[in-house]
């Protein structure tokens, strides 16, 4: 089972811009769009291309802060409380 912090770090993302938010039918341009998932990485099965991450836990996700947010995560098995 992969850990949440590994899942996020083993992927690529881009900021959700106003144009992208409109194309995705999102009400506000917030979060990050998953654009790549390493085929053999721990994110396979947990994240898919096109996922929009709005929060990690209770922390709102911005593209600028994504690396800082994931660096502070304590590895936790996916699906565990």
N, C-alpha and C. Protein backbone atom coordinates (compact mmCIF):
# COMPACT_ATOMS: atom_id res chain seq x y z
N UNK A 1 0.84 -1.17 0.00
CA UNK A 1 0.00 0.00 0.00
C UNK A 1 0.90 1.24 0.00
N UNK A 2 0.57 2.20 -0.83
CA UNK A 2 1.37 3.42 -0.94
C UNK A 2 0.99 4.40 0.16
N UNK A 3 1.85 5.36 0.36
CA UNK A 3 1.53 6.40 1.33
C UNK A 3 1.05 7.64 0.61
N UNK A 4 0.27 8.44 1.29
CA UNK A 4 -0.30 9.64 0.69
C UNK A 4 0.79 10.59 0.22
N UNK A 5 1.80 10.81 1.03
CA UNK A 5 2.84 11.76 0.63
C UNK A 5 3.59 11.26 -0.60
N UNK A 6 3.82 9.96 -0.70
CA UNK A 6 4.48 9.42 -1.89
C UNK A 6 3.58 9.55 -3.11
N UNK A 7 2.28 9.33 -2.94
CA UNK A 7 1.36 9.42 -4.06
C UNK A 7 1.40 10.79 -4.70
N UNK A 8 1.36 11.82 -3.90
CA UNK A 8 1.34 13.18 -4.43
C UNK A 8 2.68 13.53 -5.05
N UNK A 9 3.77 13.17 -4.39
CA UNK A 9 5.09 13.55 -4.90
C UNK A 9 5.47 12.76 -6.15
N UNK A 10 4.83 11.66 -6.43
CA UNK A 10 5.14 10.86 -7.61
C UNK A 10 4.25 11.24 -8.78
N UNK A 11 3.82 12.48 -8.80
CA UNK A 11 2.97 12.95 -9.88
C UNK A 11 3.36 14.37 -10.27
N UNK A 12 2.84 14.82 -11.40
CA UNK A 12 3.07 16.19 -11.85
C UNK A 12 1.72 16.91 -11.84
N UNK A 13 1.74 18.20 -11.58
CA UNK A 13 0.50 18.96 -11.52
C UNK A 13 0.71 20.35 -12.07
N UNK A 14 -0.40 21.03 -12.34
CA UNK A 14 -0.35 22.42 -12.77
C UNK A 14 -1.42 23.19 -12.02
N UNK A 15 -1.25 24.50 -11.88
CA UNK A 15 -2.26 25.29 -11.17
C UNK A 15 -3.57 25.32 -11.95
N UNK A 16 -4.66 25.41 -11.23
CA UNK A 16 -5.97 25.58 -11.86
C UNK A 16 -6.16 27.08 -12.08
N UNK A 17 -6.05 27.49 -13.33
CA UNK A 17 -6.22 28.89 -13.72
C UNK A 17 -7.71 29.17 -13.95
N UNK A 18 -8.09 30.43 -14.07
CA UNK A 18 -9.50 30.73 -14.38
C UNK A 18 -9.98 30.05 -15.67
N UNK A 19 -9.14 30.04 -16.69
CA UNK A 19 -9.52 29.39 -17.95
C UNK A 19 -9.70 27.89 -17.77
N UNK A 20 -8.77 27.27 -17.05
CA UNK A 20 -8.85 25.83 -16.79
C UNK A 20 -10.06 25.50 -15.92
N UNK A 21 -10.32 26.33 -14.93
CA UNK A 21 -11.48 26.11 -14.06
C UNK A 21 -12.77 26.14 -14.88
N UNK A 22 -12.87 27.08 -15.79
CA UNK A 22 -14.06 27.16 -16.64
C UNK A 22 -14.20 25.91 -17.51
N UNK A 23 -13.08 25.46 -18.08
CA UNK A 23 -13.11 24.27 -18.93
C UNK A 23 -13.49 23.01 -18.14
N UNK A 24 -13.12 22.98 -16.86
CA UNK A 24 -13.43 21.82 -16.01
C UNK A 24 -14.75 21.99 -15.26
N UNK A 25 -15.45 23.08 -15.52
CA UNK A 25 -16.73 23.37 -14.87
C UNK A 25 -16.60 23.50 -13.36
N UNK A 26 -15.49 24.11 -12.93
CA UNK A 26 -15.27 24.39 -11.52
C UNK A 26 -15.77 25.80 -11.22
N UNK A 27 -16.31 26.00 -10.04
CA UNK A 27 -16.84 27.32 -9.67
C UNK A 27 -15.74 28.34 -9.44
N UNK A 28 -14.60 27.90 -8.90
CA UNK A 28 -13.50 28.81 -8.61
C UNK A 28 -12.18 28.20 -9.09
N UNK A 29 -11.22 29.04 -9.47
CA UNK A 29 -9.91 28.55 -9.90
C UNK A 29 -9.00 28.24 -8.71
N UNK A 30 -9.26 27.15 -8.04
CA UNK A 30 -8.45 26.75 -6.89
C UNK A 30 -7.95 25.33 -7.07
N UNK A 31 -6.88 25.01 -6.37
CA UNK A 31 -6.35 23.65 -6.40
C UNK A 31 -5.32 23.45 -7.50
N UNK A 32 -4.97 22.18 -7.70
CA UNK A 32 -4.02 21.81 -8.74
C UNK A 32 -4.58 20.64 -9.54
N UNK A 33 -4.26 20.62 -10.81
CA UNK A 33 -4.70 19.57 -11.72
C UNK A 33 -3.57 18.57 -11.90
N UNK A 34 -3.85 17.29 -11.67
CA UNK A 34 -2.86 16.24 -11.89
C UNK A 34 -2.70 16.05 -13.40
N UNK A 35 -1.47 16.24 -13.90
CA UNK A 35 -1.21 16.15 -15.33
C UNK A 35 -0.38 14.93 -15.71
N UNK A 36 0.24 14.30 -14.73
CA UNK A 36 1.06 13.12 -15.01
C UNK A 36 1.17 12.29 -13.74
N UNK A 37 1.13 10.98 -13.93
CA UNK A 37 1.34 10.04 -12.82
C UNK A 37 2.39 9.05 -13.30
N UNK A 38 3.46 8.90 -12.53
CA UNK A 38 4.53 7.99 -12.93
C UNK A 38 3.97 6.57 -13.06
N UNK A 39 4.16 5.92 -14.22
CA UNK A 39 3.55 4.62 -14.47
C UNK A 39 3.90 3.54 -13.44
N UNK A 40 5.09 3.58 -12.90
CA UNK A 40 5.49 2.58 -11.91
C UNK A 40 5.54 3.17 -10.50
N UNK A 41 5.07 4.39 -10.33
CA UNK A 41 5.15 5.07 -9.05
C UNK A 41 4.02 4.71 -8.11
N UNK A 42 4.13 5.15 -6.87
CA UNK A 42 3.14 4.82 -5.86
C UNK A 42 1.79 5.50 -6.06
N UNK A 43 1.72 6.48 -6.95
CA UNK A 43 0.45 7.18 -7.18
C UNK A 43 -0.51 6.39 -8.07
N UNK A 44 0.01 5.38 -8.76
CA UNK A 44 -0.85 4.57 -9.63
C UNK A 44 -1.96 3.96 -8.79
N UNK A 45 -3.18 4.19 -9.22
CA UNK A 45 -4.34 3.66 -8.51
C UNK A 45 -4.88 4.61 -7.45
N UNK A 46 -4.11 5.62 -7.08
CA UNK A 46 -4.58 6.58 -6.08
C UNK A 46 -4.90 7.92 -6.74
N UNK A 47 -4.07 8.33 -7.69
CA UNK A 47 -4.31 9.55 -8.45
C UNK A 47 -4.41 9.20 -9.91
N UNK A 48 -5.24 9.92 -10.63
CA UNK A 48 -5.30 9.73 -12.08
C UNK A 48 -5.18 11.10 -12.74
N UNK A 49 -4.69 11.08 -13.97
CA UNK A 49 -4.58 12.32 -14.73
C UNK A 49 -5.97 12.93 -14.83
N UNK A 50 -6.06 14.21 -14.51
CA UNK A 50 -7.33 14.90 -14.54
C UNK A 50 -7.91 15.13 -13.15
N UNK A 51 -7.37 14.45 -12.13
CA UNK A 51 -7.81 14.72 -10.76
C UNK A 51 -7.49 16.16 -10.41
N UNK A 52 -8.36 16.81 -9.66
CA UNK A 52 -8.10 18.15 -9.15
C UNK A 52 -7.99 18.03 -7.63
N UNK A 53 -6.83 18.37 -7.10
CA UNK A 53 -6.62 18.34 -5.66
C UNK A 53 -6.98 19.70 -5.08
N UNK A 54 -7.97 19.72 -4.22
CA UNK A 54 -8.41 20.96 -3.59
C UNK A 54 -7.84 21.10 -2.19
N UNK A 55 -7.73 19.99 -1.48
CA UNK A 55 -7.16 20.00 -0.14
C UNK A 55 -6.33 18.74 0.05
N UNK A 56 -5.38 18.83 0.95
CA UNK A 56 -4.65 17.66 1.44
C UNK A 56 -4.90 17.67 2.93
N UNK A 57 -5.70 16.71 3.37
CA UNK A 57 -6.19 16.76 4.74
C UNK A 57 -7.12 17.94 4.85
N UNK A 58 -6.82 18.86 5.75
CA UNK A 58 -7.65 20.07 5.89
C UNK A 58 -6.97 21.30 5.29
N UNK A 59 -5.80 21.11 4.68
CA UNK A 59 -5.04 22.23 4.13
C UNK A 59 -5.43 22.47 2.67
N UNK A 60 -5.90 23.68 2.35
CA UNK A 60 -6.18 23.99 0.95
C UNK A 60 -4.91 23.89 0.12
N UNK A 61 -5.01 23.36 -1.09
CA UNK A 61 -3.85 23.15 -1.95
C UNK A 61 -3.76 24.28 -2.98
N UNK A 62 -2.57 24.86 -3.05
CA UNK A 62 -2.24 25.77 -4.14
C UNK A 62 -1.00 25.22 -4.83
N UNK A 63 -0.85 25.53 -6.10
CA UNK A 63 0.32 25.04 -6.82
C UNK A 63 1.60 25.52 -6.16
N UNK A 64 1.59 26.78 -5.75
CA UNK A 64 2.77 27.38 -5.11
C UNK A 64 3.18 26.63 -3.85
N UNK A 65 2.21 26.18 -3.08
CA UNK A 65 2.49 25.54 -1.78
C UNK A 65 2.46 24.02 -1.80
N UNK A 66 2.21 23.39 -2.96
CA UNK A 66 2.06 21.94 -3.00
C UNK A 66 3.28 21.21 -2.45
N UNK A 67 4.47 21.62 -2.83
CA UNK A 67 5.68 20.95 -2.35
C UNK A 67 5.83 21.09 -0.84
N UNK A 68 5.53 22.28 -0.31
CA UNK A 68 5.62 22.49 1.14
C UNK A 68 4.59 21.64 1.88
N UNK A 69 3.39 21.56 1.33
CA UNK A 69 2.33 20.78 1.96
C UNK A 69 2.70 19.30 2.01
N UNK A 70 3.18 18.76 0.89
CA UNK A 70 3.51 17.34 0.86
C UNK A 70 4.74 17.04 1.71
N UNK A 71 5.66 17.99 1.83
CA UNK A 71 6.85 17.76 2.65
C UNK A 71 6.50 17.64 4.14
N UNK A 72 5.40 18.29 4.55
CA UNK A 72 4.99 18.23 5.96
C UNK A 72 4.12 17.02 6.29
N UNK A 73 3.72 16.28 5.27
CA UNK A 73 2.85 15.14 5.53
C UNK A 73 3.58 14.04 6.29
N UNK A 74 2.90 13.44 7.19
CA UNK A 74 3.40 12.24 7.84
C UNK A 74 2.87 11.08 7.00
N UNK A 75 3.75 10.21 6.51
CA UNK A 75 3.25 9.11 5.68
C UNK A 75 2.12 8.36 6.38
N UNK A 76 1.06 8.15 5.63
CA UNK A 76 -0.12 7.48 6.14
C UNK A 76 -0.64 6.55 5.05
N UNK A 77 -0.95 5.35 5.41
CA UNK A 77 -1.42 4.44 4.40
C UNK A 77 -2.78 4.88 3.90
N UNK A 78 -2.93 4.80 2.58
CA UNK A 78 -4.20 5.18 1.96
C UNK A 78 -5.29 4.23 2.43
N UNK A 79 -6.41 4.80 2.79
CA UNK A 79 -7.52 4.00 3.25
C UNK A 79 -7.55 3.81 4.76
N UNK A 80 -6.50 4.21 5.44
CA UNK A 80 -6.50 4.07 6.89
C UNK A 80 -7.07 5.33 7.51
N UNK A 81 -7.70 5.23 8.66
CA UNK A 81 -8.31 6.42 9.30
C UNK A 81 -7.29 7.42 9.80
